[in-house]
């Protein structure tokens, strides 16, 4: 049977079409992340701290009055946790973004704002003085949700159980904490209650590209305390915290109605 040049060209095009789509699907090619978010792929990661890691932290910090009652053992054990893929905000929610929410919904603005407007030159600083309900309301408005404790920790440390987003050793040139380079926290020190601009610390970037997960401000999660249901888990360190709280495994429960100058949040979204 003779095949015309036109028919042969059509068959060739069809085969190329199939080959392209087979490659795209078989390689697991993902859609681009939504604007302002990064993808955390599905799979296992190492969560929590080992007994040896906890003992080392206790030796370093248990003599400090601020941490004498910290439940170090609550981080144990170091275990494998499997999660579905999700997207997480690259940065903490900023004043500028939160103001869009306030103006559109009529939700109450943070107590430090005046006439529903944040302090001058703080547009790209994380929104502060928001409780868990405020954060959840924003997330719903943005068609997102708050991360669980597990999702937050994976997004911060990756899959290999590293202590900080960048590795296992604290480096003061990486994140905005009380024991970091002064240039990263200068704005907050001069204007207590405003925090620091997001993304200011160049090394505080997780394996997936999320910024400020070791420092800048603590962050709400949707995970409630296992005993006290009126408390929720917060993760990460703020500019007033020492690096004990900058560890990805650090966890602390605070009342869900708390509003603080050192607690902010970021959102997540399920990956299709």
C-alpha atoms as a PDB file:
ATOM      1  CA  UNK A   1       0.000   0.000   0.000  1.00  0.00           C
ATOM      2  CA  UNK A   2       1.340   3.322  -1.012  1.00  0.00           C
ATOM      3  CA  UNK A   3       1.448   6.136   1.502  1.00  0.00           C
ATOM      4  CA  UNK A   4       1.426   9.696   0.304  1.00  0.00           C
ATOM      5  CA  UNK A   5       3.886  12.296   1.536  1.00  0.00           C
ATOM      6  CA  UNK A   6       0.991  14.122   3.210  1.00  0.00           C
ATOM      7  CA  UNK A   7      -0.119  10.969   5.039  1.00  0.00           C
ATOM      8  CA  UNK A   8       3.436  10.186   6.138  1.00  0.00           C
ATOM      9  CA  UNK A   9       3.853  13.710   7.503  1.00  0.00           C
ATOM     10  CA  UNK A  10       0.598  13.365   9.414  1.00  0.00           C
ATOM     11  CA  UNK A  11       1.678  10.064  10.966  1.00  0.00           C
ATOM     12  CA  UNK A  12       5.042  11.538  11.935  1.00  0.00           C
ATOM     13  CA  UNK A  13       3.386  14.538  13.588  1.00  0.00           C
ATOM     14  CA  UNK A  14       1.028  12.263  15.529  1.00  0.00           C
ATOM     15  CA  UNK A  15       3.907  10.121  16.790  1.00  0.00           C
ATOM     16  CA  UNK A  16       5.826  13.218  17.892  1.00  0.00           C
ATOM     17  CA  UNK A  17       2.704  14.477  19.668  1.00  0.00           C
ATOM     18  CA  UNK A  18       2.377  11.195  21.592  1.00  0.00           C
ATOM     19  CA  UNK A  19       6.073  11.124  22.434  1.00  0.00           C
ATOM     20  CA  UNK A  20       5.986  14.694  23.796  1.00  0.00           C
ATOM     21  CA  UNK A  21       2.981  14.077  26.015  1.00  0.00           C
ATOM     22  CA  UNK A  22       4.311  10.724  27.230  1.00  0.00           C
ATOM     23  CA  UNK A  23       7.552  12.443  28.256  1.00  0.00           C
ATOM     24  CA  UNK A  24       5.730  15.287  29.977  1.00  0.00           C
ATOM     25  CA  UNK A  25       3.510  13.007  32.032  1.00  0.00           C
ATOM     26  CA  UNK A  26       6.022  10.260  32.739  1.00  0.00           C
ATOM     27  CA  UNK A  27       8.606  12.775  33.982  1.00  0.00           C
ATOM     28  CA  UNK A  28       6.159  14.055  36.581  1.00  0.00           C
ATOM     29  CA  UNK A  29       6.347  17.579  35.232  1.00  0.00           C
ATOM     30  CA  UNK A  30       4.442  19.867  37.630  1.00  0.00           C
ATOM     31  CA  UNK A  31       2.453  22.968  36.917  1.00  0.00           C
ATOM     32  CA  UNK A  32       4.140  26.239  37.818  1.00  0.00           C
ATOM     33  CA  UNK A  33       3.540  27.234  41.443  1.00  0.00           C
ATOM     34  CA  UNK A  34       0.927  29.943  42.056  1.00  0.00           C
ATOM     35  CA  UNK A  35       2.353  33.455  42.215  1.00  0.00           C
ATOM     36  CA  UNK A  36       4.194  34.093  45.443  1.00  0.00           C
ATOM     37  CA  UNK A  37       4.340  30.423  46.425  1.00  0.00           C
ATOM     38  CA  UNK A  38       6.775  27.511  46.124  1.00  0.00           C
ATOM     39  CA  UNK A  39       6.087  23.810  45.724  1.00  0.00           C
ATOM     40  CA  UNK A  40       6.832  21.276  48.452  1.00  0.00           C
ATOM     41  CA  UNK A  41       6.677  17.878  46.700  1.00  0.00           C
ATOM     42  CA  UNK A  42       4.894  14.843  48.085  1.00  0.00           C
ATOM     43  CA  UNK A  43       6.857  12.304  50.066  1.00  0.00           C
ATOM     44  CA  UNK A  44       8.527  11.553  53.371  1.00  0.00           C
ATOM     45  CA  UNK A  45      10.672  13.847  55.472  1.00  0.00           C
ATOM     46  CA  UNK A  46      12.415  13.640  58.837  1.00  0.00           C
ATOM     47  CA  UNK A  47      10.454  15.535  61.480  1.00  0.00           C
ATOM     48  CA  UNK A  48      11.350  16.357  65.070  1.00  0.00           C
ATOM     49  CA  UNK A  49      14.600  15.911  66.983  1.00  0.00           C
ATOM     50  CA  UNK A  50      16.573  12.884  68.089  1.00  0.00           C
ATOM     51  CA  UNK A  51      17.418  12.266  71.739  1.00  0.00           C
ATOM     52  CA  UNK A  52      21.012  13.275  71.054  1.00  0.00           C
ATOM     53  CA  UNK A  53      19.928  16.548  69.419  1.00  0.00           C
ATOM     54  CA  UNK A  54      17.594  17.347  72.307  1.00  0.00           C
ATOM     55  CA  UNK A  55      20.308  16.678  74.884  1.00  0.00           C
ATOM     56  CA  UNK A  56      22.716  18.955  73.023  1.00  0.00           C
ATOM     57  CA  UNK A  57      20.166  21.789  72.946  1.00  0.00           C
ATOM     58  CA  UNK A  58      19.379  21.292  76.636  1.00  0.00           C
ATOM     59  CA  UNK A  59      23.034  21.546  77.539  1.00  0.00           C
ATOM     60  CA  UNK A  60      23.331  24.809  75.638  1.00  0.00           C
ATOM     61  CA  UNK A  61      20.092  26.512  76.695  1.00  0.00           C
ATOM     62  CA  UNK A  62      18.634  24.964  79.859  1.00  0.00           C
ATOM     63  CA  UNK A  63      20.645  27.349  82.036  1.00  0.00           C
ATOM     64  CA  UNK A  64      18.916  30.361  80.523  1.00  0.00           C
ATOM     65  CA  UNK A  65      15.878  31.515  82.494  1.00  0.00           C
ATOM     66  CA  UNK A  66      13.835  32.118  79.348  1.00  0.00           C
ATOM     67  CA  UNK A  67      14.037  28.435  78.385  1.00  0.00           C
ATOM     68  CA  UNK A  68      14.057  26.693  81.768  1.00  0.00           C
ATOM     69  CA  UNK A  69      10.473  25.473  81.285  1.00  0.00           C
ATOM     70  CA  UNK A  70      10.743  24.702  77.588  1.00  0.00           C
ATOM     71  CA  UNK A  71       9.502  21.126  76.900  1.00  0.00           C
ATOM     72  CA  UNK A  72      12.521  19.951  74.933  1.00  0.00           C
ATOM     73  CA  UNK A  73      11.322  16.345  74.820  1.00  0.00           C
ATOM     74  CA  UNK A  74       8.150  17.392  72.950  1.00  0.00           C
ATOM     75  CA  UNK A  75      10.240  17.467  69.775  1.00  0.00           C
ATOM     76  CA  UNK A  76      11.038  13.757  70.078  1.00  0.00           C
ATOM     77  CA  UNK A  77      11.263  11.385  68.426  1.00  0.00           C
ATOM     78  CA  UNK A  78      12.854  12.133  65.103  1.00  0.00           C
ATOM     79  CA  UNK A  79      10.565  10.256  62.751  1.00  0.00           C
ATOM     80  CA  UNK A  80       9.518   9.885  59.139  1.00  0.00           C
ATOM     81  CA  UNK A  81       6.314  11.655  58.133  1.00  0.00           C
ATOM     82  CA  UNK A  82       4.686  11.416  54.718  1.00  0.00           C
ATOM     83  CA  UNK A  83       2.786  14.359  53.251  1.00  0.00           C
ATOM     84  CA  UNK A  84       0.938  15.146  50.050  1.00  0.00           C
ATOM     85  CA  UNK A  85       2.333  17.859  47.782  1.00  0.00           C
ATOM     86  CA  UNK A  86       1.430  21.438  48.652  1.00  0.00           C
ATOM     87  CA  UNK A  87       2.385  25.011  47.899  1.00  0.00           C
ATOM     88  CA  UNK A  88       3.543  27.412  50.595  1.00  0.00           C
ATOM     89  CA  UNK A  89       3.938  31.185  50.542  1.00  0.00           C
ATOM     90  CA  UNK A  90       7.473  32.258  49.728  1.00  0.00           C
ATOM     91  CA  UNK A  91       7.287  34.959  52.403  1.00  0.00           C
ATOM     92  CA  UNK A  92       5.258  35.697  55.493  1.00  0.00           C
ATOM     93  CA  UNK A  93       2.049  37.580  54.707  1.00  0.00           C
ATOM     94  CA  UNK A  94       2.980  41.247  54.481  1.00  0.00           C
ATOM     95  CA  UNK A  95       1.180  44.356  55.695  1.00  0.00           C
ATOM     96  CA  UNK A  96       0.483  45.278  52.076  1.00  0.00           C
ATOM     97  CA  UNK A  97      -1.228  41.955  51.385  1.00  0.00           C
ATOM     98  CA  UNK A  98      -3.131  42.021  54.645  1.00  0.00           C
ATOM     99  CA  UNK A  99      -4.413  45.525  53.927  1.00  0.00           C
ATOM    100  CA  UNK A 100      -6.015  44.255  50.707  1.00  0.00           C
ATOM    101  CA  UNK A 101      -7.872  41.709  52.823  1.00  0.00           C
ATOM    102  CA  UNK A 102      -8.932  44.320  55.408  1.00  0.00           C
ATOM    103  CA  UNK A 103     -10.224  46.733  52.773  1.00  0.00           C
ATOM    104  CA  UNK A 104     -12.151  44.091  50.856  1.00  0.00           C
ATOM    105  CA  UNK A 105     -13.726  42.304  53.822  1.00  0.00           C
ATOM    106  CA  UNK A 106     -13.949  44.943  56.531  1.00  0.00           C
ATOM    107  CA  UNK A 107     -12.008  42.689  58.892  1.00  0.00           C
ATOM    108  CA  UNK A 108     -10.478  44.558  61.841  1.00  0.00           C
ATOM    109  CA  UNK A 109      -6.928  45.776  61.200  1.00  0.00           C
ATOM    110  CA  UNK A 110      -4.049  45.081  63.618  1.00  0.00           C
ATOM    111  CA  UNK A 111      -3.945  47.273  66.720  1.00  0.00           C
ATOM    112  CA  UNK A 112      -0.812  49.104  65.642  1.00  0.00           C
ATOM    113  CA  UNK A 113      -2.405  50.343  62.414  1.00  0.00           C
ATOM    114  CA  UNK A 114      -4.048  53.728  62.114  1.00  0.00           C
ATOM    115  CA  UNK A 115      -7.131  54.239  59.931  1.00  0.00           C
ATOM    116  CA  UNK A 116      -6.713  50.738  58.471  1.00  0.00           C
ATOM    117  CA  UNK A 117      -3.211  51.568  57.333  1.00  0.00           C
ATOM    118  CA  UNK A 118       0.094  50.086  58.451  1.00  0.00           C
ATOM    119  CA  UNK A 119       3.015  52.254  59.614  1.00  0.00           C
ATOM    120  CA  UNK A 120       4.897  54.113  56.892  1.00  0.00           C
ATOM    121  CA  UNK A 121       7.691  52.182  55.143  1.00  0.00           C
ATOM    122  CA  UNK A 122       6.396  48.829  56.482  1.00  0.00           C
ATOM    123  CA  UNK A 123       4.503  47.587  53.415  1.00  0.00           C
ATOM    124  CA  UNK A 124       6.789  44.585  52.968  1.00  0.00           C
ATOM    125  CA  UNK A 125       7.087  43.737  56.659  1.00  0.00           C
ATOM    126  CA  UNK A 126       5.154  40.737  57.996  1.00  0.00           C
ATOM    127  CA  UNK A 127       1.752  41.573  59.414  1.00  0.00           C
ATOM    128  CA  UNK A 128       1.833  41.319  63.221  1.00  0.00           C
ATOM    129  CA  UNK A 129      -0.680  41.430  66.087  1.00  0.00           C
ATOM    130  CA  UNK A 130      -2.901  38.842  64.405  1.00  0.00           C
ATOM    131  CA  UNK A 131      -4.392  35.905  66.290  1.00  0.00           C
ATOM    132  CA  UNK A 132      -5.162  32.481  64.889  1.00  0.00           C
ATOM    133  CA  UNK A 133      -8.664  33.522  63.826  1.00  0.00           C
ATOM    134  CA  UNK A 134      -7.339  36.556  61.966  1.00  0.00           C
ATOM    135  CA  UNK A 135      -4.809  34.384  60.130  1.00  0.00           C
ATOM    136  CA  UNK A 136      -7.444  31.794  59.217  1.00  0.00           C
ATOM    137  CA  UNK A 137      -9.811  34.496  57.964  1.00  0.00           C
ATOM    138  CA  UNK A 138      -7.098  35.900  55.704  1.00  0.00           C
ATOM    139  CA  UNK A 139      -6.205  32.442  54.410  1.00  0.00           C
ATOM    140  CA  UNK A 140      -9.840  31.714  53.538  1.00  0.00           C
ATOM    141  CA  UNK A 141     -10.138  35.055  51.743  1.00  0.00           C
ATOM    142  CA  UNK A 142      -6.978  34.225  49.754  1.00  0.00           C
ATOM    143  CA  UNK A 143      -8.384  30.758  48.852  1.00  0.00           C
ATOM    144  CA  UNK A 144      -5.642  29.128  50.890  1.00  0.00           C
ATOM    145  CA  UNK A 145      -5.280  27.744  54.430  1.00  0.00           C
ATOM    146  CA  UNK A 146      -2.795  27.747  57.265  1.00  0.00           C
ATOM    147  CA  UNK A 147      -0.105  25.044  57.231  1.00  0.00           C
ATOM    148  CA  UNK A 148      -0.196  22.170  59.661  1.00  0.00           C
ATOM    149  CA  UNK A 149       2.791  21.830  61.954  1.00  0.00           C
ATOM    150  CA  UNK A 150       4.057  18.993  59.772  1.00  0.00           C
ATOM    151  CA  UNK A 151       3.718  20.965  56.533  1.00  0.00           C
ATOM    152  CA  UNK A 152       5.457  23.987  58.014  1.00  0.00           C
ATOM    153  CA  UNK A 153       8.368  21.911  59.261  1.00  0.00           C
ATOM    154  CA  UNK A 154       8.876  20.060  55.986  1.00  0.00           C
ATOM    155  CA  UNK A 155       8.790  23.333  54.060  1.00  0.00           C
ATOM    156  CA  UNK A 156      11.447  24.713  56.404  1.00  0.00           C
ATOM    157  CA  UNK A 157      13.921  21.847  56.568  1.00  0.00           C
ATOM    158  CA  UNK A 158      13.445  19.628  53.536  1.00  0.00           C
ATOM    159  CA  UNK A 159      13.639  15.849  53.683  1.00  0.00           C
ATOM    160  CA  UNK A 160      17.042  15.178  55.248  1.00  0.00           C
ATOM    161  CA  UNK A 161      16.362  16.216  58.842  1.00  0.00           C
ATOM    162  CA  UNK A 162      18.609  19.275  58.820  1.00  0.00           C
ATOM    163  CA  UNK A 163      18.344  21.506  61.881  1.00  0.00           C
ATOM    164  CA  UNK A 164      18.053  24.852  60.086  1.00  0.00           C
ATOM    165  CA  UNK A 165      16.865  25.649  56.558  1.00  0.00           C
ATOM    166  CA  UNK A 166      20.484  25.916  55.389  1.00  0.00           C
ATOM    167  CA  UNK A 167      22.079  23.051  57.354  1.00  0.00           C
ATOM    168  CA  UNK A 168      22.910  21.764  60.826  1.00  0.00           C
ATOM    169  CA  UNK A 169      24.947  24.621  62.270  1.00  0.00           C
ATOM    170  CA  UNK A 170      23.573  28.004  63.257  1.00  0.00           C
ATOM    171  CA  UNK A 171      25.082  30.866  61.283  1.00  0.00           C
ATOM    172  CA  UNK A 172      24.372  34.450  62.456  1.00  0.00           C
ATOM    173  CA  UNK A 173      24.765  35.704  58.900  1.00  0.00           C
ATOM    174  CA  UNK A 174      21.795  33.672  57.708  1.00  0.00           C
ATOM    175  CA  UNK A 175      18.647  34.598  59.634  1.00  0.00           C
ATOM    176  CA  UNK A 176      17.024  37.433  61.581  1.00  0.00           C
ATOM    177  CA  UNK A 177      17.241  36.327  65.237  1.00  0.00           C
ATOM    178  CA  UNK A 178      18.497  37.956  68.417  1.00  0.00           C
ATOM    179  CA  UNK A 179      21.919  36.378  67.954  1.00  0.00           C
ATOM    180  CA  UNK A 180      22.178  37.224  64.234  1.00  0.00           C
ATOM    181  CA  UNK A 181      23.907  40.057  62.448  1.00  0.00           C
ATOM    182  CA  UNK A 182      22.479  43.390  63.597  1.00  0.00           C
ATOM    183  CA  UNK A 183      21.753  44.545  60.044  1.00  0.00           C
ATOM    184  CA  UNK A 184      18.955  41.949  59.764  1.00  0.00           C
ATOM    185  CA  UNK A 185      17.069  43.171  62.854  1.00  0.00           C
ATOM    186  CA  UNK A 186      17.927  46.869  62.909  1.00  0.00           C
ATOM    187  CA  UNK A 187      14.517  47.999  61.678  1.00  0.00           C
ATOM    188  CA  UNK A 188      12.650  46.032  64.346  1.00  0.00           C
ATOM    189  CA  UNK A 189      14.998  47.188  67.094  1.00  0.00           C
ATOM    190  CA  UNK A 190      14.403  50.799  66.094  1.00  0.00           C
ATOM    191  CA  UNK A 191      10.639  50.304  65.645  1.00  0.00           C
ATOM    192  CA  UNK A 192       9.522  47.626  68.069  1.00  0.00           C
ATOM    193  CA  UNK A 193       6.226  46.220  66.850  1.00  0.00           C
ATOM    194  CA  UNK A 194       6.882  46.375  63.126  1.00  0.00           C
ATOM    195  CA  UNK A 195       9.285  43.482  62.595  1.00  0.00           C
ATOM    196  CA  UNK A 196      11.715  43.464  59.684  1.00  0.00           C
ATOM    197  CA  UNK A 197      11.187  43.452  55.943  1.00  0.00           C
ATOM    198  CA  UNK A 198      10.574  39.953  54.566  1.00  0.00           C
ATOM    199  CA  UNK A 199      13.462  38.345  52.704  1.00  0.00           C
ATOM    200  CA  UNK A 200      16.041  40.632  54.296  1.00  0.00           C
ATOM    201  CA  UNK A 201      18.249  37.802  55.568  1.00  0.00           C
ATOM    202  CA  UNK A 202      19.857  36.369  52.407  1.00  0.00           C
ATOM    203  CA  UNK A 203      20.627  32.906  53.775  1.00  0.00           C
ATOM    204  CA  UNK A 204      17.318  32.092  55.427  1.00  0.00           C
ATOM    205  CA  UNK A 205      15.956  30.129  52.491  1.00  0.00           C
ATOM    206  CA  UNK A 206      14.583  26.604  52.750  1.00  0.00           C
ATOM    207  CA  UNK A 207      15.447  23.784  50.313  1.00  0.00           C
ATOM    208  CA  UNK A 208      12.206  24.605  48.455  1.00  0.00           C
ATOM    209  CA  UNK A 209      12.753  28.350  48.266  1.00  0.00           C
ATOM    210  CA  UNK A 210      10.665  29.587  51.222  1.00  0.00           C
ATOM    211  CA  UNK A 211      12.244  32.568  53.017  1.00  0.00           C
ATOM    212  CA  UNK A 212      12.411  33.561  56.696  1.00  0.00           C
ATOM    213  CA  UNK A 213      11.451  30.203  58.169  1.00  0.00           C
ATOM    214  CA  UNK A 214      14.238  30.318  60.756  1.00  0.00           C
ATOM    215  CA  UNK A 215      13.884  33.961  61.748  1.00  0.00           C
ATOM    216  CA  UNK A 216      12.100  37.299  61.410  1.00  0.00           C
ATOM    217  CA  UNK A 217       8.812  36.341  63.094  1.00  0.00           C
ATOM    218  CA  UNK A 218       7.226  33.290  64.636  1.00  0.00           C
ATOM    219  CA  UNK A 219       4.349  31.814  62.635  1.00  0.00           C
ATOM    220  CA  UNK A 220       0.930  30.342  63.325  1.00  0.00           C
ATOM    221  CA  UNK A 221       0.061  26.820  62.221  1.00  0.00           C
ATOM    222  CA  UNK A 222      -3.375  25.211  62.142  1.00  0.00           C
ATOM    223  CA  UNK A 223      -2.269  22.469  64.546  1.00  0.00           C
ATOM    224  CA  UNK A 224      -3.932  22.712  67.943  1.00  0.00           C
ATOM    225  CA  UNK A 225      -2.166  21.623  71.114  1.00  0.00           C
ATOM    226  CA  UNK A 226      -2.907  17.970  71.839  1.00  0.00           C
ATOM    227  CA  UNK A 227      -3.984  18.725  75.418  1.00  0.00           C
ATOM    228  CA  UNK A 228      -5.101  22.359  75.442  1.00  0.00           C
ATOM    229  CA  UNK A 229      -7.440  22.909  72.489  1.00  0.00           C
ATOM    230  CA  UNK A 230      -7.484  26.655  73.069  1.00  0.00           C
ATOM    231  CA  UNK A 231      -3.807  26.756  72.141  1.00  0.00           C
ATOM    232  CA  UNK A 232      -2.102  26.298  68.765  1.00  0.00           C
ATOM    233  CA  UNK A 233       1.412  25.394  67.696  1.00  0.00           C
ATOM    234  CA  UNK A 234       3.667  28.152  66.428  1.00  0.00           C
ATOM    235  CA  UNK A 235       6.906  27.542  64.568  1.00  0.00           C
ATOM    236  CA  UNK A 236      10.082  29.454  63.794  1.00  0.00           C
ATOM    237  CA  UNK A 237      11.977  32.200  65.582  1.00  0.00           C
ATOM    238  CA  UNK A 238      11.524  35.948  65.708  1.00  0.00           C
ATOM    239  CA  UNK A 239      14.042  38.754  65.851  1.00  0.00           C
ATOM    240  CA  UNK A 240      13.909  38.713  69.677  1.00  0.00           C
ATOM    241  CA  UNK A 241      14.566  34.954  69.967  1.00  0.00           C
ATOM    242  CA  UNK A 242      17.829  33.086  70.288  1.00  0.00           C
ATOM    243  CA  UNK A 243      18.622  30.396  67.770  1.00  0.00           C
ATOM    244  CA  UNK A 244      17.065  27.620  69.871  1.00  0.00           C
ATOM    245  CA  UNK A 245      13.731  28.633  68.330  1.00  0.00           C
ATOM    246  CA  UNK A 246      15.212  29.010  64.839  1.00  0.00           C
ATOM    247  CA  UNK A 247      15.535  25.222  64.628  1.00  0.00           C
ATOM    248  CA  UNK A 248      12.933  23.689  62.323  1.00  0.00           C
ATOM    249  CA  UNK A 249      11.913  21.169  65.000  1.00  0.00           C
ATOM    250  CA  UNK A 250      11.151  23.882  67.560  1.00  0.00           C
ATOM    251  CA  UNK A 251       7.505  23.950  68.621  1.00  0.00           C
ATOM    252  CA  UNK A 252       5.601  25.996  71.141  1.00  0.00           C
ATOM    253  CA  UNK A 253       1.894  26.269  71.935  1.00  0.00           C
ATOM    254  CA  UNK A 254       0.301  29.660  72.585  1.00  0.00           C
ATOM    255  CA  UNK A 255      -3.328  30.712  73.208  1.00  0.00           C
ATOM    256  CA  UNK A 256      -5.217  31.010  69.917  1.00  0.00           C
ATOM    257  CA  UNK A 257      -6.438  34.481  70.884  1.00  0.00           C
ATOM    258  CA  UNK A 258      -2.882  35.763  71.366  1.00  0.00           C
ATOM    259  CA  UNK A 259      -1.783  38.790  69.360  1.00  0.00           C
ATOM    260  CA  UNK A 260       1.916  39.533  69.465  1.00  0.00           C
ATOM    261  CA  UNK A 261       4.575  41.777  67.982  1.00  0.00           C
ATOM    262  CA  UNK A 262       6.582  38.657  67.086  1.00  0.00           C
ATOM    263  CA  UNK A 263       3.940  36.313  65.579  1.00  0.00           C
ATOM    264  CA  UNK A 264       2.881  36.390  61.937  1.00  0.00           C
ATOM    265  CA  UNK A 265       1.863  33.666  59.477  1.00  0.00           C
ATOM    266  CA  UNK A 266       2.039  32.346  55.933  1.00  0.00           C
ATOM    267  CA  UNK A 267      -0.413  30.239  53.953  1.00  0.00           C
ATOM    268  CA  UNK A 268      -0.415  26.989  52.039  1.00  0.00           C
ATOM    269  CA  UNK A 269      -2.496  25.511  49.252  1.00  0.00           C
ATOM    270  CA  UNK A 270      -2.988  21.906  48.176  1.00  0.00           C
ATOM    271  CA  UNK A 271      -1.148  20.969  44.999  1.00  0.00           C
ATOM    272  CA  UNK A 272      -3.356  19.381  42.373  1.00  0.00           C
END
